[in-house]
Amino acid sequence: MNKDRGIIKWLPFESLVSSKQVIDSILHEKNKIKKPILSLEQQQEISEKLIEAFYEQDEVTLKIYKNGYIITLISFIKNIDYTYKKIVLNNDTKILFSQIVDIILN
């Protein structure tokens, strides 16, 4: 007579799935970096390049700091809002000036 344990025999594998999620979240947190500190000259240079790209309608490559990671965006600048200190890209993405780490004119 064969006694099958049914679902009970598969319960240990349930813990493997959740441990994988925990390991992935730990690795995700471990790979985060601190926000780079920009000098006044670097901030001024970024500001000048933003204005130039906006008026010349040049495509820019923006490197922004978001949630512990440096993200690269390539787009045109649609609007610069000095009141709220943010820029709006062509795909309606809003970026704060304080998030911008580097800008490259294409």
N, C-alpha and C. Protein backbone atom coordinates (compact mmCIF):
# COMPACT_ATOMS: atom_id res chain seq x y z
N MET A 1 0.84 -1.17 0.00
CA MET A 1 0.00 0.00 0.00
C MET A 1 0.89 1.25 0.00
N ASN A 2 0.67 2.13 -0.93
CA ASN A 2 1.46 3.36 -1.09
C ASN A 2 0.74 4.52 -0.41
N LYS A 3 1.39 5.09 0.62
CA LYS A 3 0.81 6.25 1.28
C LYS A 3 1.46 7.50 0.72
N ASP A 4 0.69 8.26 -0.01
CA ASP A 4 1.17 9.52 -0.59
C ASP A 4 0.90 10.64 0.40
N ARG A 5 1.93 11.48 0.62
CA ARG A 5 1.76 12.59 1.56
C ARG A 5 1.08 13.80 0.91
N GLY A 6 0.79 13.71 -0.37
CA GLY A 6 0.07 14.79 -1.05
C GLY A 6 0.86 16.09 -1.07
N ILE A 7 0.19 17.17 -0.73
CA ILE A 7 0.80 18.50 -0.77
C ILE A 7 1.88 18.68 0.29
N ILE A 8 1.86 17.89 1.34
CA ILE A 8 2.81 18.03 2.44
C ILE A 8 4.26 17.87 1.94
N LYS A 9 4.49 16.98 0.99
CA LYS A 9 5.85 16.75 0.52
C LYS A 9 6.39 17.95 -0.27
N TRP A 10 5.52 18.84 -0.76
CA TRP A 10 5.97 20.00 -1.54
C TRP A 10 6.16 21.26 -0.69
N LEU A 11 5.76 21.25 0.56
CA LEU A 11 5.86 22.43 1.41
C LEU A 11 7.29 22.95 1.59
N PRO A 12 8.32 22.13 1.71
CA PRO A 12 9.68 22.68 1.85
C PRO A 12 10.11 23.53 0.66
N PHE A 13 9.61 23.24 -0.54
CA PHE A 13 9.98 24.02 -1.72
C PHE A 13 9.33 25.41 -1.72
N GLU A 14 8.26 25.57 -0.98
CA GLU A 14 7.64 26.90 -0.82
C GLU A 14 8.62 27.85 -0.16
N SER A 15 9.38 27.37 0.80
CA SER A 15 10.33 28.24 1.50
C SER A 15 11.46 28.66 0.58
N LEU A 16 11.81 27.87 -0.42
CA LEU A 16 12.87 28.23 -1.37
C LEU A 16 12.48 29.45 -2.19
N VAL A 17 11.24 29.55 -2.60
CA VAL A 17 10.77 30.68 -3.39
C VAL A 17 10.87 31.96 -2.58
N SER A 18 10.43 31.94 -1.33
CA SER A 18 10.48 33.15 -0.52
C SER A 18 11.90 33.51 -0.16
N SER A 19 12.79 32.53 0.02
CA SER A 19 14.18 32.86 0.33
C SER A 19 14.87 33.47 -0.88
N LYS A 20 14.49 33.06 -2.08
CA LYS A 20 15.03 33.67 -3.30
C LYS A 20 14.63 35.14 -3.37
N GLN A 21 13.40 35.45 -3.02
CA GLN A 21 12.95 36.84 -3.03
C GLN A 21 13.71 37.66 -2.00
N VAL A 22 13.97 37.09 -0.85
CA VAL A 22 14.72 37.78 0.20
C VAL A 22 16.15 38.04 -0.26
N ILE A 23 16.77 37.04 -0.87
CA ILE A 23 18.15 37.19 -1.37
C ILE A 23 18.20 38.25 -2.45
N ASP A 24 17.23 38.24 -3.38
CA ASP A 24 17.19 39.26 -4.43
C ASP A 24 17.04 40.66 -3.85
N SER A 25 16.19 40.82 -2.84
CA SER A 25 16.01 42.14 -2.24
C SER A 25 17.27 42.59 -1.50
N ILE A 26 17.98 41.66 -0.86
CA ILE A 26 19.23 42.00 -0.18
C ILE A 26 20.28 42.44 -1.19
N LEU A 27 20.40 41.72 -2.30
CA LEU A 27 21.35 42.10 -3.34
C LEU A 27 20.99 43.45 -3.96
N HIS A 28 19.70 43.70 -4.14
CA HIS A 28 19.24 44.98 -4.68
C HIS A 28 19.64 46.12 -3.75
N GLU A 29 19.46 45.94 -2.47
CA GLU A 29 19.83 46.97 -1.49
C GLU A 29 21.35 47.13 -1.40
N LYS A 30 22.07 46.03 -1.55
CA LYS A 30 23.53 46.07 -1.44
C LYS A 30 24.15 46.85 -2.60
N ASN A 31 23.54 46.81 -3.77
CA ASN A 31 24.09 47.46 -4.94
C ASN A 31 23.80 48.96 -4.99
N LYS A 32 23.03 49.47 -4.06
CA LYS A 32 22.73 50.90 -4.05
C LYS A 32 23.98 51.70 -3.70
N ILE A 33 24.04 52.92 -4.25
CA ILE A 33 25.17 53.81 -3.98
C ILE A 33 24.67 55.10 -3.35
N LYS A 34 25.59 55.83 -2.74
CA LYS A 34 25.23 57.13 -2.18
C LYS A 34 25.19 58.16 -3.29
N LYS A 35 24.40 59.20 -3.09
CA LYS A 35 24.28 60.25 -4.09
C LYS A 35 25.60 61.02 -4.19
N PRO A 36 26.09 61.18 -5.43
CA PRO A 36 27.32 61.95 -5.61
C PRO A 36 27.11 63.42 -5.21
N ILE A 37 28.12 64.00 -4.60
CA ILE A 37 28.05 65.40 -4.21
C ILE A 37 28.70 66.23 -5.30
N LEU A 38 27.95 67.20 -5.84
CA LEU A 38 28.44 68.04 -6.92
C LEU A 38 28.97 69.36 -6.36
N SER A 39 30.06 69.83 -6.95
CA SER A 39 30.59 71.14 -6.56
C SER A 39 29.73 72.23 -7.20
N LEU A 40 29.93 73.45 -6.78
CA LEU A 40 29.18 74.57 -7.36
C LEU A 40 29.48 74.73 -8.85
N GLU A 41 30.73 74.48 -9.24
CA GLU A 41 31.10 74.56 -10.65
C GLU A 41 30.37 73.51 -11.48
N GLN A 42 30.28 72.31 -10.95
CA GLN A 42 29.57 71.24 -11.66
C GLN A 42 28.08 71.56 -11.79
N GLN A 43 27.49 72.09 -10.73
CA GLN A 43 26.08 72.49 -10.78
C GLN A 43 25.86 73.59 -11.80
N GLN A 44 26.77 74.55 -11.85
CA GLN A 44 26.67 75.64 -12.82
C GLN A 44 26.80 75.12 -14.24
N GLU A 45 27.72 74.20 -14.46
CA GLU A 45 27.92 73.62 -15.78
C GLU A 45 26.67 72.85 -16.23
N ILE A 46 26.07 72.09 -15.33
CA ILE A 46 24.84 71.35 -15.64
C ILE A 46 23.73 72.33 -16.01
N SER A 47 23.61 73.40 -15.25
CA SER A 47 22.59 74.41 -15.51
C SER A 47 22.77 75.06 -16.88
N GLU A 48 24.01 75.39 -17.22
CA GLU A 48 24.29 76.01 -18.53
C GLU A 48 23.97 75.04 -19.68
N LYS A 49 24.35 73.79 -19.51
CA LYS A 49 24.07 72.80 -20.55
C LYS A 49 22.56 72.56 -20.70
N LEU A 50 21.82 72.58 -19.59
CA LEU A 50 20.37 72.42 -19.66
C LEU A 50 19.75 73.55 -20.47
N ILE A 51 20.16 74.77 -20.18
CA ILE A 51 19.62 75.94 -20.89
C ILE A 51 19.98 75.87 -22.37
N GLU A 52 21.23 75.54 -22.67
CA GLU A 52 21.67 75.43 -24.06
C GLU A 52 20.87 74.36 -24.81
N ALA A 53 20.70 73.20 -24.19
CA ALA A 53 19.97 72.11 -24.84
C ALA A 53 18.50 72.47 -25.05
N PHE A 54 17.93 73.21 -24.11
CA PHE A 54 16.53 73.60 -24.23
C PHE A 54 16.33 74.57 -25.40
N TYR A 55 17.17 75.59 -25.48
CA TYR A 55 17.00 76.60 -26.53
C TYR A 55 17.45 76.11 -27.90
N GLU A 56 18.43 75.25 -27.94
CA GLU A 56 18.90 74.70 -29.22
C GLU A 56 18.11 73.47 -29.65
N GLN A 57 17.25 72.97 -28.77
CA GLN A 57 16.48 71.74 -29.00
C GLN A 57 17.40 70.57 -29.37
N ASP A 58 18.48 70.44 -28.59
CA ASP A 58 19.42 69.34 -28.76
C ASP A 58 18.99 68.18 -27.87
N GLU A 59 19.29 66.98 -28.34
CA GLU A 59 19.04 65.79 -27.53
C GLU A 59 20.12 65.71 -26.45
N VAL A 60 19.72 65.33 -25.25
CA VAL A 60 20.66 65.24 -24.14
C VAL A 60 20.64 63.84 -23.53
N THR A 61 21.76 63.48 -22.94
CA THR A 61 21.86 62.27 -22.14
C THR A 61 21.98 62.73 -20.70
N LEU A 62 20.97 62.43 -19.90
CA LEU A 62 20.95 62.82 -18.50
C LEU A 62 21.28 61.62 -17.63
N LYS A 63 22.14 61.83 -16.66
CA LYS A 63 22.39 60.81 -15.65
C LYS A 63 21.79 61.36 -14.37
N ILE A 64 20.80 60.62 -13.86
CA ILE A 64 20.10 61.08 -12.66
C ILE A 64 20.25 60.05 -11.54
N TYR A 65 20.17 60.54 -10.33
CA TYR A 65 20.23 59.68 -9.16
C TYR A 65 18.82 59.47 -8.66
N LYS A 66 18.43 58.20 -8.58
CA LYS A 66 17.08 57.88 -8.13
C LYS A 66 17.10 56.58 -7.33
N ASN A 67 16.67 56.66 -6.08
CA ASN A 67 16.55 55.49 -5.20
C ASN A 67 17.83 54.67 -5.09
N GLY A 68 18.97 55.33 -5.04
CA GLY A 68 20.22 54.63 -4.84
C GLY A 68 20.92 54.17 -6.10
N TYR A 69 20.41 54.52 -7.26
CA TYR A 69 20.99 54.10 -8.52
C TYR A 69 21.16 55.30 -9.44
N ILE A 70 22.14 55.22 -10.34
CA ILE A 70 22.33 56.21 -11.39
C ILE A 70 21.61 55.69 -12.63
N ILE A 71 20.66 56.46 -13.12
CA ILE A 71 19.85 56.08 -14.28
C ILE A 71 20.20 57.00 -15.44
N THR A 72 20.34 56.45 -16.63
CA THR A 72 20.65 57.24 -17.82
C THR A 72 19.39 57.39 -18.66
N LEU A 73 19.08 58.64 -19.01
CA LEU A 73 17.93 58.96 -19.84
C LEU A 73 18.40 59.74 -21.06
N ILE A 74 17.86 59.42 -22.21
CA ILE A 74 18.19 60.15 -23.44
C ILE A 74 16.88 60.73 -23.96
N SER A 75 16.84 62.06 -24.09
CA SER A 75 15.60 62.72 -24.52
C SER A 75 15.88 64.17 -24.87
N PHE A 76 14.82 64.85 -25.31
CA PHE A 76 14.85 66.28 -25.53
C PHE A 76 14.20 66.95 -24.33
N ILE A 77 14.59 68.18 -24.05
CA ILE A 77 14.02 68.92 -22.93
C ILE A 77 12.81 69.69 -23.45
N LYS A 78 11.68 69.43 -22.86
CA LYS A 78 10.42 70.05 -23.27
C LYS A 78 10.20 71.39 -22.55
N ASN A 79 10.55 71.41 -21.26
CA ASN A 79 10.30 72.61 -20.46
C ASN A 79 11.25 72.64 -19.27
N ILE A 80 11.61 73.86 -18.86
CA ILE A 80 12.39 74.06 -17.64
C ILE A 80 11.56 74.91 -16.71
N ASP A 81 11.27 74.38 -15.52
CA ASP A 81 10.46 75.09 -14.53
C ASP A 81 11.35 75.53 -13.38
N TYR A 82 11.69 76.83 -13.38
CA TYR A 82 12.59 77.34 -12.36
C TYR A 82 11.89 77.51 -11.02
N THR A 83 10.58 77.66 -11.03
CA THR A 83 9.85 77.83 -9.78
C THR A 83 9.93 76.57 -8.92
N TYR A 84 9.67 75.44 -9.54
CA TYR A 84 9.69 74.16 -8.81
C TYR A 84 11.00 73.42 -8.98
N LYS A 85 11.94 74.02 -9.68
CA LYS A 85 13.28 73.45 -9.91
C LYS A 85 13.22 72.05 -10.50
N LYS A 86 12.55 71.96 -11.65
CA LYS A 86 12.47 70.68 -12.34
C LYS A 86 12.45 70.90 -13.84
N ILE A 87 12.76 69.84 -14.57
CA ILE A 87 12.67 69.88 -16.03
C ILE A 87 11.69 68.81 -16.47
N VAL A 88 11.10 69.04 -17.64
CA VAL A 88 10.16 68.09 -18.22
C VAL A 88 10.75 67.63 -19.54
N LEU A 89 10.86 66.32 -19.71
CA LEU A 89 11.39 65.75 -20.94
C LEU A 89 10.25 65.52 -21.93
N ASN A 90 10.61 65.17 -23.16
CA ASN A 90 9.61 64.97 -24.22
C ASN A 90 8.60 63.88 -23.89
N ASN A 91 8.99 62.87 -23.15
CA ASN A 91 8.06 61.80 -22.79
C ASN A 91 7.31 62.12 -21.49
N ASP A 92 7.28 63.42 -21.13
CA ASP A 92 6.59 63.94 -19.94
C ASP A 92 7.15 63.43 -18.62
N THR A 93 8.39 62.98 -18.64
CA THR A 93 9.07 62.61 -17.41
C THR A 93 9.53 63.89 -16.72
N LYS A 94 9.24 64.00 -15.43
CA LYS A 94 9.64 65.18 -14.66
C LYS A 94 10.83 64.82 -13.79
N ILE A 95 11.86 65.65 -13.86
CA ILE A 95 13.10 65.41 -13.12
C ILE A 95 13.44 66.66 -12.33
N LEU A 96 13.74 66.48 -11.06
CA LEU A 96 14.18 67.60 -10.24
C LEU A 96 15.63 67.94 -10.56
N PHE A 97 15.97 69.23 -10.45
CA PHE A 97 17.37 69.63 -10.67
C PHE A 97 18.30 68.87 -9.74
N SER A 98 17.86 68.65 -8.52
CA SER A 98 18.72 67.99 -7.53
C SER A 98 19.01 66.53 -7.87
N GLN A 99 18.23 65.92 -8.76
CA GLN A 99 18.46 64.53 -9.15
C GLN A 99 19.53 64.40 -10.23
N ILE A 100 19.80 65.48 -10.96
CA ILE A 100 20.72 65.42 -12.10
C ILE A 100 22.16 65.35 -11.59
N VAL A 101 22.87 64.33 -12.05
CA VAL A 101 24.27 64.13 -11.68
C VAL A 101 25.19 64.58 -12.81
N ASP A 102 24.77 64.34 -14.06
CA ASP A 102 25.59 64.71 -15.22
C ASP A 102 24.69 64.90 -16.42
N ILE A 103 25.15 65.71 -17.35
CA ILE A 103 24.41 65.93 -18.60
C ILE A 103 25.41 65.97 -19.74
N ILE A 104 25.04 65.31 -20.82
CA ILE A 104 25.89 65.28 -22.02
C ILE A 104 25.03 65.72 -23.20
N LEU A 105 25.51 66.71 -23.94
CA LEU A 105 24.80 67.16 -25.14
C LEU A 105 25.14 66.22 -26.27
N ASN A 106 24.12 65.73 -26.97
CA ASN A 106 24.35 64.79 -28.09
C ASN A 106 24.42 65.53 -29.40
